[in-house]
């Protein structure tokens, strides 16, 4: 059983609600479909700018996935850790944001 002072992030796992998991999987399924479509376009010698536009759409879909996941992380794990006095979670969040902004 989990100790009271151990957070979800300390274990490096996260139990998600069915709704949260459904939303994230739906976004990933869309990205996966877009990537398959891009591969198909390359296989069929589609025009370069058409492929570039599809890659841009896939990138935007991955960014939307990241935004949703990051928001859930901040509202869940980070907020809970701060309430529990584990402010090292803020450092972890800052490192994550710095990596995202490269």
C-alpha atoms as a PDB file:
ATOM      1  CA  UNK A   1       0.000   0.000   0.000  1.00  0.00           C
ATOM      2  CA  UNK A   2       1.178   3.546  -0.765  1.00  0.00           C
ATOM      3  CA  UNK A   3       2.568   5.634   2.091  1.00  0.00           C
ATOM      4  CA  UNK A   4       0.737   8.861   2.872  1.00  0.00           C
ATOM      5  CA  UNK A   5       3.718  11.098   2.083  1.00  0.00           C
ATOM      6  CA  UNK A   6       4.624   9.423  -1.200  1.00  0.00           C
ATOM      7  CA  UNK A   7       3.187  11.203  -4.207  1.00  0.00           C
ATOM      8  CA  UNK A   8       2.241   9.807  -7.589  1.00  0.00           C
ATOM      9  CA  UNK A   9       5.270  11.519  -9.083  1.00  0.00           C
ATOM     10  CA  UNK A  10       7.664  10.124  -6.482  1.00  0.00           C
ATOM     11  CA  UNK A  11       6.789   6.644  -7.745  1.00  0.00           C
ATOM     12  CA  UNK A  12       7.070   7.913 -11.355  1.00  0.00           C
ATOM     13  CA  UNK A  13       3.666   6.466 -12.181  1.00  0.00           C
ATOM     14  CA  UNK A  14       0.264   8.120 -12.438  1.00  0.00           C
ATOM     15  CA  UNK A  15      -3.143   6.587 -12.051  1.00  0.00           C
ATOM     16  CA  UNK A  16      -5.488   8.394 -14.403  1.00  0.00           C
ATOM     17  CA  UNK A  17      -9.239   8.551 -14.381  1.00  0.00           C
ATOM     18  CA  UNK A  18     -11.000   6.684 -17.158  1.00  0.00           C
ATOM     19  CA  UNK A  19     -12.014  10.023 -18.684  1.00  0.00           C
ATOM     20  CA  UNK A  20      -8.474  11.413 -18.613  1.00  0.00           C
ATOM     21  CA  UNK A  21      -7.057   8.230 -20.108  1.00  0.00           C
ATOM     22  CA  UNK A  22      -9.760   8.184 -22.808  1.00  0.00           C
ATOM     23  CA  UNK A  23      -9.014  11.786 -23.819  1.00  0.00           C
ATOM     24  CA  UNK A  24      -5.266  11.182 -23.984  1.00  0.00           C
ATOM     25  CA  UNK A  25      -5.620   7.935 -25.953  1.00  0.00           C
ATOM     26  CA  UNK A  26      -8.034   9.636 -28.376  1.00  0.00           C
ATOM     27  CA  UNK A  27      -5.477  12.371 -29.022  1.00  0.00           C
ATOM     28  CA  UNK A  28      -2.714   9.805 -29.551  1.00  0.00           C
ATOM     29  CA  UNK A  29      -4.912   7.802 -31.913  1.00  0.00           C
ATOM     30  CA  UNK A  30      -5.430  10.956 -33.991  1.00  0.00           C
ATOM     31  CA  UNK A  31      -1.687  11.583 -34.101  1.00  0.00           C
ATOM     32  CA  UNK A  32      -1.045   7.965 -35.055  1.00  0.00           C
ATOM     33  CA  UNK A  33      -3.562   8.257 -37.891  1.00  0.00           C
ATOM     34  CA  UNK A  34      -1.957  11.461 -39.090  1.00  0.00           C
ATOM     35  CA  UNK A  35       1.490   9.846 -39.104  1.00  0.00           C
ATOM     36  CA  UNK A  36       0.163   6.880 -41.097  1.00  0.00           C
ATOM     37  CA  UNK A  37      -1.379   9.372 -43.517  1.00  0.00           C
ATOM     38  CA  UNK A  38       1.930  11.184 -43.912  1.00  0.00           C
ATOM     39  CA  UNK A  39       3.715   7.899 -44.582  1.00  0.00           C
ATOM     40  CA  UNK A  40       1.070   7.050 -47.172  1.00  0.00           C
ATOM     41  CA  UNK A  41       1.548  10.449 -48.817  1.00  0.00           C
ATOM     42  CA  UNK A  42       5.308   9.842 -49.075  1.00  0.00           C
ATOM     43  CA  UNK A  43       4.676   6.338 -50.491  1.00  0.00           C
ATOM     44  CA  UNK A  44       2.373   7.876 -53.106  1.00  0.00           C
ATOM     45  CA  UNK A  45       4.823  10.656 -54.004  1.00  0.00           C
ATOM     46  CA  UNK A  46       2.533  13.440 -52.808  1.00  0.00           C
ATOM     47  CA  UNK A  47       3.585  17.018 -53.407  1.00  0.00           C
ATOM     48  CA  UNK A  48       6.102  18.303 -50.827  1.00  0.00           C
ATOM     49  CA  UNK A  49       4.041  21.188 -49.468  1.00  0.00           C
ATOM     50  CA  UNK A  50       1.029  18.912 -49.011  1.00  0.00           C
ATOM     51  CA  UNK A  51       3.161  16.605 -46.858  1.00  0.00           C
ATOM     52  CA  UNK A  52       4.612  19.551 -44.959  1.00  0.00           C
ATOM     53  CA  UNK A  53       1.094  20.755 -44.125  1.00  0.00           C
ATOM     54  CA  UNK A  54       0.179  17.309 -42.796  1.00  0.00           C
ATOM     55  CA  UNK A  55       3.364  17.200 -40.710  1.00  0.00           C
ATOM     56  CA  UNK A  56       2.410  20.591 -39.292  1.00  0.00           C
ATOM     57  CA  UNK A  57      -1.034  19.247 -38.372  1.00  0.00           C
ATOM     58  CA  UNK A  58       0.539  16.203 -36.667  1.00  0.00           C
ATOM     59  CA  UNK A  59       2.919  18.462 -34.750  1.00  0.00           C
ATOM     60  CA  UNK A  60      -0.011  20.583 -33.586  1.00  0.00           C
ATOM     61  CA  UNK A  61      -1.853  17.443 -32.478  1.00  0.00           C
ATOM     62  CA  UNK A  62       1.182  16.304 -30.449  1.00  0.00           C
ATOM     63  CA  UNK A  63       1.425  19.777 -28.920  1.00  0.00           C
ATOM     64  CA  UNK A  64      -2.246  19.583 -27.922  1.00  0.00           C
ATOM     65  CA  UNK A  65      -1.569  16.201 -26.305  1.00  0.00           C
ATOM     66  CA  UNK A  66       1.376  17.691 -24.384  1.00  0.00           C
ATOM     67  CA  UNK A  67      -0.705  20.662 -23.215  1.00  0.00           C
ATOM     68  CA  UNK A  68      -3.458  18.414 -21.888  1.00  0.00           C
ATOM     69  CA  UNK A  69      -1.005  16.079 -20.166  1.00  0.00           C
ATOM     70  CA  UNK A  70       0.986  18.965 -18.684  1.00  0.00           C
ATOM     71  CA  UNK A  71      -2.158  20.633 -17.337  1.00  0.00           C
ATOM     72  CA  UNK A  72      -3.238  17.387 -15.683  1.00  0.00           C
ATOM     73  CA  UNK A  73       0.248  16.973 -14.205  1.00  0.00           C
ATOM     74  CA  UNK A  74       0.272  20.481 -12.743  1.00  0.00           C
ATOM     75  CA  UNK A  75      -3.281  20.265 -11.390  1.00  0.00           C
ATOM     76  CA  UNK A  76      -2.721  16.764 -10.015  1.00  0.00           C
ATOM     77  CA  UNK A  77       0.795  15.688  -9.065  1.00  0.00           C
ATOM     78  CA  UNK A  78       2.450  19.087  -8.700  1.00  0.00           C
ATOM     79  CA  UNK A  79      -0.392  20.656  -6.702  1.00  0.00           C
ATOM     80  CA  UNK A  80      -0.607  17.590  -4.442  1.00  0.00           C
ATOM     81  CA  UNK A  81       3.162  17.533  -3.908  1.00  0.00           C
ATOM     82  CA  UNK A  82       3.211  21.221  -2.954  1.00  0.00           C
ATOM     83  CA  UNK A  83       0.357  20.685  -0.488  1.00  0.00           C
ATOM     84  CA  UNK A  84       2.345  17.775   0.971  1.00  0.00           C
ATOM     85  CA  UNK A  85       5.432  19.980   1.333  1.00  0.00           C
ATOM     86  CA  UNK A  86       7.354  18.352  -1.534  1.00  0.00           C
ATOM     87  CA  UNK A  87       8.498  21.484  -3.295  1.00  0.00           C
ATOM     88  CA  UNK A  88      11.098  19.523  -5.303  1.00  0.00           C
ATOM     89  CA  UNK A  89       8.193  18.842  -7.628  1.00  0.00           C
ATOM     90  CA  UNK A  90       8.480  22.478  -8.749  1.00  0.00           C
ATOM     91  CA  UNK A  91      12.092  21.892  -9.808  1.00  0.00           C
ATOM     92  CA  UNK A  92      10.990  18.845 -11.789  1.00  0.00           C
ATOM     93  CA  UNK A  93       8.267  20.894 -13.482  1.00  0.00           C
ATOM     94  CA  UNK A  94      10.736  23.675 -14.361  1.00  0.00           C
ATOM     95  CA  UNK A  95      13.109  21.124 -15.916  1.00  0.00           C
ATOM     96  CA  UNK A  96      10.239  19.646 -17.923  1.00  0.00           C
ATOM     97  CA  UNK A  97       9.158  23.072 -19.192  1.00  0.00           C
ATOM     98  CA  UNK A  98      12.733  23.942 -20.140  1.00  0.00           C
ATOM     99  CA  UNK A  99      12.944  20.740 -22.206  1.00  0.00           C
ATOM    100  CA  UNK A 100       9.638  21.542 -23.905  1.00  0.00           C
ATOM    101  CA  UNK A 101      10.870  25.006 -24.871  1.00  0.00           C
ATOM    102  CA  UNK A 102      14.020  23.889 -26.671  1.00  0.00           C
END
